[in-house]
Amino acid sequence: MSELFPLPLLAPLVLLATAALAIAHPGRRPGKYPLIAEASALAALAVALAGLVQLLVFGASEARLFEGPLTLAVRLDPVSATMTLLVAFIGWVVMRYSRTYLDGEAREGTFHGLMLATLAAVLIVVQSGSLLLIALGLAGTGICLRKLLLFYPERSTARRAATKFAIVWHAGDIALLLAVGLFIASTGTSEFSELSLAVGPDLSFTEHLAVACLVLAAVLKAAAFPLHGWLTEVMEAPTPVSALLHAGIINAGGFLLIRTADLVQASPGSMGVLVAIGGLTALFGAVVMLTQSAVKTALAWSTISQMGFMLLQCGLGLWPLALLHVVAHSLYKAHAFLSSGGAVSAVVSLHRPGPIAIPSVANVLRSFAIALLLYGVVLLGFSIVAGPKTPQAVAMGMMLLFGVAYLVAQGLADTAPAQLTYRTSLSAIVVALAYFGFQQIANLIWGATLPQVPVAGPLEWALIVLSVLSFGAVAVAQTLFPLWAHHPAAAGLRVHIANGLYLNALLDRWIGGYRLAKSK
């Protein structure tokens, strides 16, 4: 590993300097300062690009502050370079949007300063070479984000959302600090390169406990079921905050798992927990999302589902695919939130009433058979060209195809035009090709940095079969829903699902009791 100074470390330093300048001028229309804030975000992006060039020319590098158990290390490798470039790009887009969106606000300068400080904290997290530095960076991210969620403190809903976020996020911080302490107690270090060598494939009891704390921290920070409610209530903050949160910060849990992949994968029990919680969160979020009428709320539930899917990928050991998911979801969700204002008018202008294609039970079963058959053909082709696929990769592709089978069912409905049937079948082929193609690209870019997919034993096979059956059952139920949507019970069920089965209300009651006890 090269001893050169990792250039991307300059990016958070630039942002922090500009953040201090912006916070020093907190008032309305602080002249040139919004432009300076945007320019600093662009400079951070330029530094991230320079870091990529450094990695390609000189290879990986690492820098340390302090020696011993409390080492704060920064690492430049394919994973950190990818995430630094992603965060810097999204940060620049969000800051550019904020310059006009917040124009004229009473605390405009404060907002720009907090946004830049939050971006700097996230950049420190994705460049961390030690678990201690990640813990400090995530704690700083949470502190800054809570202040952004309270940008309109007079709104009671904003205060409630900020309280929920703080409780869940900082509980994750505590779990992560416990993991740091346990690893230091067991190995004498929290630096990733040394941890991997010291721990090995066989974990001690202390190290198993440390990995469990790691997984708990990741689950809490990914807004996983059942403590997901805060993520659906942060819309009281300005739109740029929502975009940054859903496109970047919420990925912290997944990144934590990816960066510590070799440690997590050494604990089969932790991998099983990730599959169970991730799969449940993905299915629950997707079902609730379909019942939402507000654009931003639907996007929030979509994020919950996507984070669950990412946890599921980590639990199956598909680490490069999980990182690719982080990149793709971040870019998509940033665009979705920043363009959400024009989404409603666009849908209204394009809406044309017409007959609804409702597939019969036979057509639904036929659609799933067709989608899986096309998937099998593509899988066979890729296996011949690029080698056999792991059971985990095959299962993940099947889960994605279940969503496409819904479209195929629409194309097979009696009232559907023939062109729709052709297009939906073609979609199944395209999705299968894209899945395996992107998987090859992800393995090429990050495969050497991340662990290989674990060999499927009895536990892995049980998790694979359970995941596939669960996703398949929910997909079939979703496709058949129009056949019984007219039943009175369906309307009541829809209300319950739209409210997330009221799990968020339970957290609200607990927070109310917590505030009452604190006031006494």
Protein backbone atom coordinates (compact mmCIF):
# COMPACT_ATOMS: atom_id res chain seq x y z
CA MET A 1 0.00 0.00 0.00
CA SER A 2 1.35 3.43 -0.99
CA GLU A 3 2.48 5.89 1.67
CA LEU A 4 1.24 8.87 -0.36
CA PHE A 5 -1.18 11.24 1.36
CA PRO A 6 -4.76 10.35 0.26
CA LEU A 7 -5.92 13.40 -1.69
CA PRO A 8 -9.66 12.87 -1.00
CA LEU A 9 -9.04 13.79 2.65
CA LEU A 10 -8.76 17.41 1.48
CA ALA A 11 -12.44 17.42 0.46
CA PRO A 12 -13.97 17.41 3.98
CA LEU A 13 -11.37 19.94 5.13
CA VAL A 14 -12.44 22.38 2.38
CA LEU A 15 -16.12 21.87 3.25
CA LEU A 16 -15.56 22.41 6.97
CA ALA A 17 -13.68 25.67 6.34
CA THR A 18 -16.51 26.96 4.15
CA ALA A 19 -19.12 25.75 6.64
CA ALA A 20 -17.53 27.88 9.36
CA LEU A 21 -17.65 30.89 7.04
CA ALA A 22 -21.32 30.32 6.21
CA ILE A 23 -22.37 29.84 9.83
CA ALA A 24 -20.56 33.09 10.69
CA HIS A 25 -23.03 34.86 8.33
CA PRO A 26 -26.32 33.17 9.28
CA GLY A 27 -28.83 35.77 8.08
CA ARG A 28 -31.08 36.21 5.08
CA ARG A 29 -29.45 36.61 1.62
CA PRO A 30 -25.84 36.50 2.82
CA GLY A 31 -24.57 37.88 -0.49
CA LYS A 32 -21.86 35.79 -2.10
CA TYR A 33 -21.81 33.10 0.58
CA PRO A 34 -24.34 30.70 -1.08
CA LEU A 35 -22.19 30.84 -4.22
CA ILE A 36 -19.08 30.14 -2.14
CA ALA A 37 -20.87 27.17 -0.54
CA GLU A 38 -21.68 25.74 -3.96
CA ALA A 39 -18.12 26.40 -5.16
CA SER A 40 -16.68 24.54 -2.17
CA ALA A 41 -18.90 21.54 -2.93
CA LEU A 42 -17.64 21.64 -6.52
CA ALA A 43 -14.07 21.85 -5.22
CA ALA A 44 -14.72 18.76 -3.07
CA LEU A 45 -15.91 16.95 -6.20
CA ALA A 46 -12.72 17.97 -8.02
CA VAL A 47 -10.63 16.65 -5.11
CA ALA A 48 -12.59 13.36 -5.23
CA LEU A 49 -11.77 13.04 -8.94
CA ALA A 50 -8.10 13.75 -8.17
CA GLY A 51 -8.23 10.98 -5.58
CA LEU A 52 -9.55 8.58 -8.20
CA VAL A 53 -6.65 9.47 -10.47
CA GLN A 54 -4.23 8.95 -7.57
CA LEU A 55 -5.71 5.51 -6.94
CA LEU A 56 -5.43 4.50 -10.61
CA VAL A 57 -1.85 5.74 -10.95
CA PHE A 58 -0.24 4.98 -7.56
CA GLY A 59 -2.60 2.38 -6.07
CA ALA A 60 -4.20 2.27 -2.65
CA SER A 61 -2.86 4.44 0.17
CA GLU A 62 -3.49 5.10 3.84
CA ALA A 63 -2.77 7.87 6.35
CA ARG A 64 -2.89 7.61 10.16
CA LEU A 65 -3.32 10.00 13.03
CA PHE A 66 -2.12 8.64 16.39
CA GLU A 67 -0.71 5.18 16.86
CA GLY A 68 -2.07 2.36 18.97
CA PRO A 69 -5.63 1.32 19.79
CA LEU A 70 -7.10 4.79 19.12
CA THR A 71 -5.66 5.15 15.62
CA LEU A 72 -7.66 7.37 13.27
CA ALA A 73 -6.91 6.06 9.78
CA VAL A 74 -7.99 7.29 6.35
CA ARG A 75 -7.92 4.85 3.43
CA LEU A 76 -7.94 5.32 -0.34
CA ASP A 77 -9.04 2.17 -2.16
CA PRO A 78 -11.69 1.28 -4.78
CA VAL A 79 -14.51 1.28 -2.21
CA SER A 80 -13.61 4.61 -0.57
CA ALA A 81 -12.85 6.26 -3.93
CA THR A 82 -16.25 5.21 -5.27
CA MET A 83 -18.14 6.44 -2.22
CA THR A 84 -16.17 9.69 -1.99
CA LEU A 85 -16.91 10.48 -5.62
CA LEU A 86 -20.58 9.59 -5.13
CA VAL A 87 -21.04 11.69 -1.97
CA ALA A 88 -19.13 14.65 -3.44
CA PHE A 89 -21.21 14.59 -6.63
CA ILE A 90 -24.54 14.38 -4.81
CA GLY A 91 -23.35 17.05 -2.38
CA TRP A 92 -22.53 19.42 -5.20
CA VAL A 93 -25.92 18.83 -6.87
CA VAL A 94 -27.77 19.38 -3.60
CA MET A 95 -25.81 22.54 -2.75
CA ARG A 96 -26.44 23.93 -6.22
CA TYR A 97 -30.15 23.27 -5.76
CA SER A 98 -30.08 24.79 -2.26
CA ARG A 99 -28.65 28.08 -3.50
CA THR A 100 -31.96 28.99 -5.17
CA TYR A 101 -34.31 26.89 -3.03
CA LEU A 102 -33.28 28.62 0.21
CA ASP A 103 -32.90 32.08 -1.30
CA GLY A 104 -34.45 34.62 1.07
CA GLU A 105 -34.79 32.32 4.11
CA ALA A 106 -34.13 33.99 7.44
CA ARG A 107 -31.39 31.47 8.36
CA GLU A 108 -30.00 30.88 4.91
CA GLY A 109 -26.35 31.08 5.92
CA THR A 110 -26.87 28.67 8.81
CA PHE A 111 -28.50 26.19 6.46
CA HIS A 112 -25.58 26.23 4.01
CA GLY A 113 -23.11 25.86 6.86
CA LEU A 114 -24.93 22.86 8.35
CA MET A 115 -25.28 21.20 4.95
CA LEU A 116 -21.57 21.56 4.25
CA ALA A 117 -20.66 20.27 7.72
CA THR A 118 -22.93 17.26 7.20
CA LEU A 119 -21.33 16.54 3.83
CA ALA A 120 -17.88 16.79 5.40
CA ALA A 121 -18.86 14.28 8.11
CA VAL A 122 -20.19 11.82 5.52
CA LEU A 123 -16.99 12.17 3.48
CA ILE A 124 -14.95 11.35 6.58
CA VAL A 125 -17.09 8.24 7.12
CA VAL A 126 -16.62 6.87 3.60
CA GLN A 127 -12.85 7.48 3.70
CA SER A 128 -12.32 5.94 7.13
CA GLY A 129 -9.70 3.27 7.54
CA SER A 130 -10.56 2.53 11.16
CA LEU A 131 -13.78 1.67 12.93
CA LEU A 132 -13.22 4.42 15.50
CA LEU A 133 -13.10 7.13 12.82
CA ILE A 134 -16.30 5.79 11.23
CA ALA A 135 -17.98 5.95 14.64
CA LEU A 136 -16.89 9.56 15.16
CA GLY A 137 -17.94 10.53 11.65
CA LEU A 138 -21.38 8.96 12.01
CA ALA A 139 -21.91 10.67 15.35
CA GLY A 140 -21.01 14.03 13.78
CA THR A 141 -23.35 13.32 10.86
CA GLY A 142 -26.20 12.65 13.26
CA ILE A 143 -25.61 15.86 15.23
CA CYS A 144 -25.57 18.01 12.08
CA LEU A 145 -28.56 16.27 10.50
CA ARG A 146 -30.68 16.73 13.63
CA LYS A 147 -30.06 20.47 13.43
CA LEU A 148 -31.10 20.44 9.76
CA LEU A 149 -34.29 18.54 10.61
CA LEU A 150 -35.03 21.34 13.09
CA PHE A 151 -34.48 24.09 10.54
CA TYR A 152 -38.14 25.01 11.09
CA PRO A 153 -38.26 24.49 14.88
CA GLU A 154 -41.75 25.95 15.20
CA ARG A 155 -43.21 22.87 13.45
CA SER A 156 -44.22 20.22 15.96
CA THR A 157 -43.94 17.47 13.35
CA ALA A 158 -40.36 18.51 12.65
CA ARG A 159 -39.51 18.35 16.35
CA ARG A 160 -41.07 14.89 16.62
CA ALA A 161 -39.18 13.62 13.57
CA ALA A 162 -35.91 15.05 14.90
CA THR A 163 -36.44 13.37 18.27
CA LYS A 164 -37.15 10.00 16.64
CA PHE A 165 -34.13 10.34 14.40
CA ALA A 166 -31.85 11.27 17.30
CA ILE A 167 -32.98 8.33 19.45
CA VAL A 168 -32.55 5.72 16.71
CA TRP A 169 -29.39 7.19 15.14
CA HIS A 170 -27.52 7.72 18.40
CA ALA A 171 -28.56 4.28 19.63
CA GLY A 172 -26.68 3.07 16.56
CA ASP A 173 -23.72 5.23 17.59
CA ILE A 174 -23.69 3.58 21.01
CA ALA A 175 -23.80 0.11 19.45
CA LEU A 176 -20.94 1.04 17.12
CA LEU A 177 -18.81 2.42 19.96
CA LEU A 178 -19.43 -0.82 21.85
CA ALA A 179 -18.17 -2.73 18.81
CA VAL A 180 -15.07 -0.52 18.73
CA GLY A 181 -14.40 -1.17 22.40
CA LEU A 182 -14.88 -4.93 22.06
CA PHE A 183 -12.58 -5.17 19.04
CA ILE A 184 -9.90 -3.11 20.81
CA ALA A 185 -10.24 -5.30 23.90
CA SER A 186 -9.87 -8.45 21.79
CA THR A 187 -7.29 -7.40 19.19
CA GLY A 188 -5.82 -4.12 20.41
CA THR A 189 -6.88 -2.20 17.29
CA SER A 190 -9.88 -0.85 15.37
CA GLU A 191 -8.00 -0.34 12.09
CA PHE A 192 -9.54 -2.40 9.29
CA SER A 193 -6.32 -3.70 7.78
CA GLU A 194 -5.10 -4.93 11.16
CA LEU A 195 -8.51 -6.21 12.28
CA SER A 196 -8.78 -8.48 9.26
CA LEU A 197 -5.43 -10.07 10.08
CA ALA A 198 -6.02 -10.28 13.83
CA VAL A 199 -9.54 -11.72 13.72
CA GLY A 200 -9.35 -14.32 10.96
CA PRO A 201 -12.21 -16.64 9.99
CA ASP A 202 -12.76 -17.98 13.54
CA LEU A 203 -14.19 -15.40 15.92
CA SER A 204 -13.87 -15.46 19.68
CA PHE A 205 -16.91 -14.82 21.88
CA THR A 206 -15.88 -11.17 22.29
CA GLU A 207 -15.48 -10.76 18.54
CA HIS A 208 -18.87 -12.40 17.87
CA LEU A 209 -20.38 -9.89 20.28
CA ALA A 210 -18.55 -7.05 18.52
CA VAL A 211 -19.90 -8.14 15.13
CA ALA A 212 -23.40 -8.34 16.61
CA CYS A 213 -23.01 -4.70 17.76
CA LEU A 214 -21.81 -3.79 14.27
CA VAL A 215 -24.89 -5.36 12.68
CA LEU A 216 -27.18 -3.67 15.22
CA ALA A 217 -25.61 -0.28 14.43
CA ALA A 218 -26.02 -0.85 10.69
CA VAL A 219 -29.65 -1.93 11.05
CA LEU A 220 -30.51 1.12 13.16
CA LYS A 221 -28.84 3.54 10.76
CA ALA A 222 -30.51 1.93 7.73
CA ALA A 223 -34.01 2.65 9.14
CA ALA A 224 -34.81 -1.06 9.15
CA PHE A 225 -38.04 -2.58 10.45
CA PRO A 226 -39.46 -1.94 13.05
CA LEU A 227 -37.63 1.35 13.89
CA HIS A 228 -38.15 2.80 10.42
CA GLY A 229 -40.78 5.39 11.29
CA TRP A 230 -38.51 8.43 11.60
CA LEU A 231 -37.53 8.22 7.94
CA THR A 232 -41.11 8.79 6.78
CA GLU A 233 -41.51 11.95 8.87
CA VAL A 234 -38.48 14.03 7.92
CA MET A 235 -40.33 15.84 5.11
CA GLU A 236 -40.82 18.89 7.31
CA ALA A 237 -37.17 19.75 6.64
CA PRO A 238 -36.30 21.57 3.39
CA THR A 239 -36.23 19.40 0.24
CA PRO A 240 -32.39 19.49 -0.07
CA VAL A 241 -32.16 17.88 3.37
CA SER A 242 -34.52 15.09 2.30
CA ALA A 243 -32.49 14.56 -0.87
CA LEU A 244 -29.19 14.38 1.02
CA LEU A 245 -30.65 12.11 3.69
CA HIS A 246 -32.30 9.63 1.34
CA ALA A 247 -29.56 9.70 -1.30
CA GLY A 248 -26.51 9.63 0.94
CA ILE A 249 -26.80 9.52 4.72
CA ILE A 250 -29.24 6.61 4.92
CA ASN A 251 -26.66 4.46 3.11
CA ALA A 252 -24.38 4.70 6.16
CA GLY A 253 -25.62 1.38 7.55
CA GLY A 254 -24.94 -0.44 4.30
CA PHE A 255 -21.54 1.16 3.91
CA LEU A 256 -20.61 0.17 7.47
CA LEU A 257 -21.39 -3.46 6.62
CA ILE A 258 -19.55 -3.32 3.29
CA ARG A 259 -16.44 -1.78 4.86
CA THR A 260 -16.40 -4.46 7.59
CA ALA A 261 -17.53 -7.24 5.24
CA ASP A 262 -14.80 -9.72 6.16
CA LEU A 263 -15.65 -9.36 9.87
CA VAL A 264 -19.42 -9.66 9.37
CA GLN A 265 -19.09 -12.63 7.02
CA ALA A 266 -17.11 -14.53 9.66
CA SER A 267 -20.29 -14.62 11.77
CA PRO A 268 -22.99 -16.80 10.08
CA GLY A 269 -25.52 -15.82 12.72
CA SER A 270 -25.09 -12.13 11.92
CA MET A 271 -25.47 -12.86 8.21
CA GLY A 272 -28.71 -14.69 8.96
CA VAL A 273 -30.02 -11.75 10.97
CA LEU A 274 -29.26 -9.41 8.07
CA VAL A 275 -31.17 -11.63 5.65
CA ALA A 276 -34.19 -11.86 7.97
CA ILE A 277 -34.39 -8.17 8.89
CA GLY A 278 -33.43 -6.98 5.42
CA GLY A 279 -35.96 -9.18 3.64
CA LEU A 280 -38.77 -8.23 6.03
CA THR A 281 -37.94 -4.51 5.71
CA ALA A 282 -37.77 -4.71 1.90
CA LEU A 283 -41.16 -6.44 1.60
CA PHE A 284 -42.87 -4.28 4.23
CA GLY A 285 -41.59 -1.01 2.75
CA ALA A 286 -42.55 -2.00 -0.80
CA VAL A 287 -46.10 -2.97 0.18
CA VAL A 288 -46.70 0.22 2.20
CA MET A 289 -45.18 2.38 -0.57
CA LEU A 290 -47.88 1.23 -3.02
CA THR A 291 -50.62 2.65 -0.78
CA GLN A 292 -49.18 6.17 -0.39
CA SER A 293 -50.77 9.16 -2.13
CA ALA A 294 -48.09 11.80 -1.36
CA VAL A 295 -45.04 11.74 -3.63
CA LYS A 296 -42.41 12.35 -0.94
CA THR A 297 -43.97 9.88 1.49
CA ALA A 298 -43.99 7.22 -1.21
CA LEU A 299 -40.32 7.98 -1.89
CA ALA A 300 -39.55 7.63 1.83
CA TRP A 301 -41.17 4.18 1.96
CA SER A 302 -39.28 3.31 -1.22
CA THR A 303 -36.05 4.18 0.58
CA ILE A 304 -36.99 1.92 3.50
CA SER A 305 -37.62 -0.93 1.07
CA GLN A 306 -34.36 -0.31 -0.79
CA MET A 307 -32.34 -0.22 2.43
CA GLY A 308 -33.91 -3.52 3.43
CA PHE A 309 -32.97 -4.98 0.06
CA MET A 310 -29.40 -3.76 0.55
CA LEU A 311 -29.22 -5.42 3.99
CA LEU A 312 -30.49 -8.60 2.36
CA GLN A 313 -27.72 -8.43 -0.26
CA CYS A 314 -25.13 -8.02 2.51
CA GLY A 315 -26.60 -10.94 4.42
CA LEU A 316 -26.28 -13.15 1.34
CA GLY A 317 -22.64 -12.08 0.92
CA LEU A 318 -23.18 -10.21 -2.35
CA TRP A 319 -20.92 -7.35 -1.28
CA PRO A 320 -20.02 -5.85 -4.71
CA LEU A 321 -23.69 -5.97 -5.72
CA ALA A 322 -24.67 -4.24 -2.47
CA LEU A 323 -22.16 -1.45 -3.18
CA LEU A 324 -23.52 -1.09 -6.70
CA HIS A 325 -26.99 -0.86 -5.17
CA VAL A 326 -25.80 1.97 -2.92
CA VAL A 327 -24.46 3.93 -5.91
CA ALA A 328 -27.53 3.39 -8.10
CA HIS A 329 -30.03 4.11 -5.32
CA SER A 330 -28.20 7.30 -4.28
CA LEU A 331 -28.25 8.76 -7.79
CA TYR A 332 -31.87 7.79 -8.38
CA LYS A 333 -33.18 9.03 -5.04
CA ALA A 334 -31.37 12.38 -5.24
CA HIS A 335 -32.98 13.01 -8.63
CA ALA A 336 -36.38 11.78 -7.39
CA PHE A 337 -36.50 14.15 -4.41
CA LEU A 338 -35.12 17.20 -6.19
CA SER A 339 -37.57 16.73 -9.07
CA SER A 340 -40.55 15.72 -6.92
CA GLY A 341 -42.09 19.19 -7.20
CA GLY A 342 -42.89 18.68 -10.89
CA ALA A 343 -43.84 15.02 -10.59
CA VAL A 344 -47.53 15.57 -9.75
CA SER A 345 -48.17 18.01 -12.60
CA ALA A 346 -46.37 15.73 -15.02
CA VAL A 347 -48.50 12.76 -14.02
CA VAL A 348 -51.71 14.78 -14.25
CA SER A 349 -50.84 16.10 -17.71
CA LEU A 350 -50.04 12.59 -18.99
CA HIS A 351 -53.00 10.79 -17.43
CA ARG A 352 -55.49 9.42 -19.93
CA PRO A 353 -58.46 7.44 -18.59
CA GLY A 354 -58.93 4.05 -20.18
CA PRO A 355 -59.66 0.40 -19.46
CA ILE A 356 -57.69 -1.22 -16.67
CA ALA A 357 -55.93 -4.47 -17.56
CA ILE A 358 -56.73 -6.94 -14.75
CA PRO A 359 -55.08 -10.35 -15.24
CA SER A 360 -56.84 -13.56 -14.27
CA VAL A 361 -55.34 -16.09 -11.87
CA ALA A 362 -54.27 -18.24 -14.81
CA ASN A 363 -52.55 -15.29 -16.46
CA VAL A 364 -50.78 -14.41 -13.22
CA LEU A 365 -49.37 -17.92 -12.89
CA ARG A 366 -48.46 -17.89 -16.58
CA SER A 367 -46.66 -14.56 -16.20
CA PHE A 368 -44.45 -15.84 -13.38
CA ALA A 369 -43.67 -18.97 -15.38
CA ILE A 370 -42.70 -16.88 -18.43
CA ALA A 371 -40.55 -14.48 -16.37
CA LEU A 372 -38.70 -17.34 -14.67
CA LEU A 373 -38.24 -19.18 -17.98
CA LEU A 374 -36.71 -16.10 -19.61
CA TYR A 375 -34.56 -15.60 -16.53
CA GLY A 376 -33.35 -19.20 -16.75
CA VAL A 377 -32.37 -18.76 -20.39
CA VAL A 378 -30.36 -15.61 -19.62
CA LEU A 379 -28.79 -17.29 -16.57
CA LEU A 380 -27.71 -20.26 -18.68
CA GLY A 381 -26.16 -17.94 -21.27
CA PHE A 382 -24.19 -15.97 -18.69
CA SER A 383 -23.07 -19.16 -16.96
CA ILE A 384 -21.69 -20.50 -20.23
CA VAL A 385 -19.87 -17.25 -21.04
CA ALA A 386 -18.71 -16.06 -17.60
CA GLY A 387 -18.84 -19.19 -15.46
CA PRO A 388 -21.42 -20.59 -13.01
CA LYS A 389 -23.22 -18.24 -10.64
CA THR A 390 -23.46 -18.69 -6.90
CA PRO A 391 -26.83 -19.73 -5.41
CA GLN A 392 -27.02 -16.36 -3.63
CA ALA A 393 -26.63 -14.45 -6.91
CA VAL A 394 -29.21 -16.64 -8.66
CA ALA A 395 -31.70 -16.15 -5.81
CA MET A 396 -31.26 -12.38 -5.81
CA GLY A 397 -31.95 -12.28 -9.54
CA MET A 398 -35.14 -14.30 -9.02
CA MET A 399 -36.35 -11.80 -6.43
CA LEU A 400 -35.87 -8.97 -8.93
CA LEU A 401 -37.69 -10.95 -11.62
CA PHE A 402 -40.73 -11.36 -9.39
CA GLY A 403 -41.27 -7.62 -9.69
CA VAL A 404 -41.04 -7.83 -13.48
CA ALA A 405 -43.52 -10.74 -13.48
CA TYR A 406 -46.12 -8.23 -12.29
CA LEU A 407 -45.61 -6.26 -15.50
CA VAL A 408 -45.78 -9.43 -17.58
CA ALA A 409 -49.12 -10.24 -15.95
CA GLN A 410 -50.48 -6.86 -17.06
CA GLY A 411 -49.40 -7.66 -20.59
CA LEU A 412 -51.19 -11.02 -20.52
CA ALA A 413 -54.50 -9.57 -19.29
CA ASP A 414 -57.43 -10.05 -21.63
CA THR A 415 -57.90 -6.31 -22.21
CA ALA A 416 -54.20 -5.61 -22.73
CA PRO A 417 -53.03 -4.77 -26.26
CA ALA A 418 -50.64 -7.19 -27.95
CA GLN A 419 -47.91 -4.53 -27.93
CA LEU A 420 -48.01 -4.43 -24.13
CA THR A 421 -47.55 -8.19 -23.96
CA TYR A 422 -44.48 -7.93 -26.18
CA ARG A 423 -42.98 -5.05 -24.20
CA THR A 424 -43.47 -6.64 -20.79
CA SER A 425 -41.90 -9.90 -21.91
CA LEU A 426 -39.00 -7.94 -23.35
CA SER A 427 -38.67 -6.16 -19.99
CA ALA A 428 -38.11 -9.50 -18.25
CA ILE A 429 -35.22 -10.29 -20.62
CA VAL A 430 -33.70 -6.81 -20.23
CA VAL A 431 -33.85 -6.96 -16.43
CA ALA A 432 -32.17 -10.37 -16.35
CA LEU A 433 -29.45 -9.22 -18.75
CA ALA A 434 -28.92 -5.99 -16.80
CA TYR A 435 -28.75 -7.82 -13.47
CA PHE A 436 -26.02 -10.24 -14.50
CA GLY A 437 -24.23 -7.62 -16.58
CA PHE A 438 -24.05 -5.13 -13.72
CA GLN A 439 -23.04 -7.92 -11.37
CA GLN A 440 -20.05 -8.67 -13.60
CA ILE A 441 -19.11 -4.97 -13.63
CA ALA A 442 -19.41 -4.71 -9.83
CA ASN A 443 -17.22 -7.78 -9.32
CA LEU A 444 -14.66 -6.36 -11.73
CA ILE A 445 -14.44 -3.01 -9.92
CA TRP A 446 -14.71 -4.04 -6.27
CA GLY A 447 -14.36 -7.82 -6.25
CA ALA A 448 -10.68 -7.75 -5.32
CA THR A 449 -11.34 -5.44 -2.34
CA LEU A 450 -14.36 -7.23 -0.89
CA PRO A 451 -14.75 -10.85 0.32
CA GLN A 452 -15.97 -13.59 -1.96
CA VAL A 453 -19.53 -14.92 -1.63
CA PRO A 454 -19.54 -17.58 1.13
CA VAL A 455 -20.03 -21.19 0.13
CA ALA A 456 -23.69 -22.07 0.62
CA GLY A 457 -24.10 -24.41 3.57
CA PRO A 458 -27.34 -25.56 5.27
CA LEU A 459 -27.95 -22.16 6.89
CA GLU A 460 -27.29 -20.26 3.66
CA TRP A 461 -29.57 -22.56 1.67
CA ALA A 462 -32.34 -22.19 4.24
CA LEU A 463 -32.06 -18.39 4.06
CA ILE A 464 -31.98 -18.44 0.25
CA VAL A 465 -35.10 -20.62 -0.04
CA LEU A 466 -36.97 -18.58 2.61
CA SER A 467 -36.11 -15.31 0.87
CA VAL A 468 -37.15 -16.50 -2.58
CA LEU A 469 -40.43 -17.98 -1.33
CA SER A 470 -41.27 -14.83 0.68
CA PHE A 471 -40.62 -12.45 -2.20
CA GLY A 472 -42.48 -14.74 -4.59
CA ALA A 473 -45.54 -14.97 -2.34
CA VAL A 474 -45.74 -11.19 -1.88
CA ALA A 475 -45.29 -10.61 -5.63
CA VAL A 476 -48.13 -13.05 -6.45
CA ALA A 477 -50.39 -11.43 -3.83
CA GLN A 478 -49.64 -7.98 -5.24
CA THR A 479 -50.43 -9.14 -8.78
CA LEU A 480 -53.71 -10.75 -7.69
CA PHE A 481 -54.81 -7.75 -5.61
CA PRO A 482 -56.97 -6.16 -8.39
CA LEU A 483 -59.13 -9.30 -8.45
CA TRP A 484 -60.34 -8.76 -4.88
CA ALA A 485 -59.73 -5.02 -4.44
CA HIS A 486 -63.50 -4.37 -4.63
CA HIS A 487 -64.15 -6.41 -1.47
CA PRO A 488 -64.95 -4.27 1.63
CA ALA A 489 -62.21 -6.00 3.62
CA ALA A 490 -59.65 -4.87 1.06
CA ALA A 491 -60.45 -1.20 1.71
CA GLY A 492 -59.89 -1.65 5.44
CA LEU A 493 -56.68 -3.58 4.85
CA ARG A 494 -55.42 -0.82 2.58
CA VAL A 495 -55.96 1.77 5.35
CA HIS A 496 -54.00 -0.32 7.84
CA ILE A 497 -51.16 -0.88 5.38
CA ALA A 498 -51.08 2.81 4.39
CA ASN A 499 -50.48 3.61 8.07
CA GLY A 500 -47.62 1.13 8.26
CA LEU A 501 -49.65 -1.16 10.55
CA TYR A 502 -49.37 1.65 13.14
CA LEU A 503 -45.87 0.66 14.24
CA ASN A 504 -44.88 4.30 14.07
CA ALA A 505 -47.67 5.17 16.52
CA LEU A 506 -46.12 2.85 19.09
CA LEU A 507 -42.81 4.69 18.77
CA ASP A 508 -44.66 8.00 19.11
CA ARG A 509 -46.20 6.84 22.38
CA TRP A 510 -42.84 5.68 23.69
CA ILE A 511 -41.27 9.03 22.78
CA GLY A 512 -44.13 10.83 24.51
CA GLY A 513 -43.41 8.86 27.67
CA TYR A 514 -39.69 9.54 27.28
CA ARG A 515 -40.28 13.30 27.02
CA LEU A 516 -42.60 13.26 30.03
CA ALA A 517 -40.04 11.41 32.14
CA LYS A 518 -37.30 13.76 30.99
CA SER A 519 -39.37 16.85 31.89
CA LYS A 520 -39.88 15.50 35.42
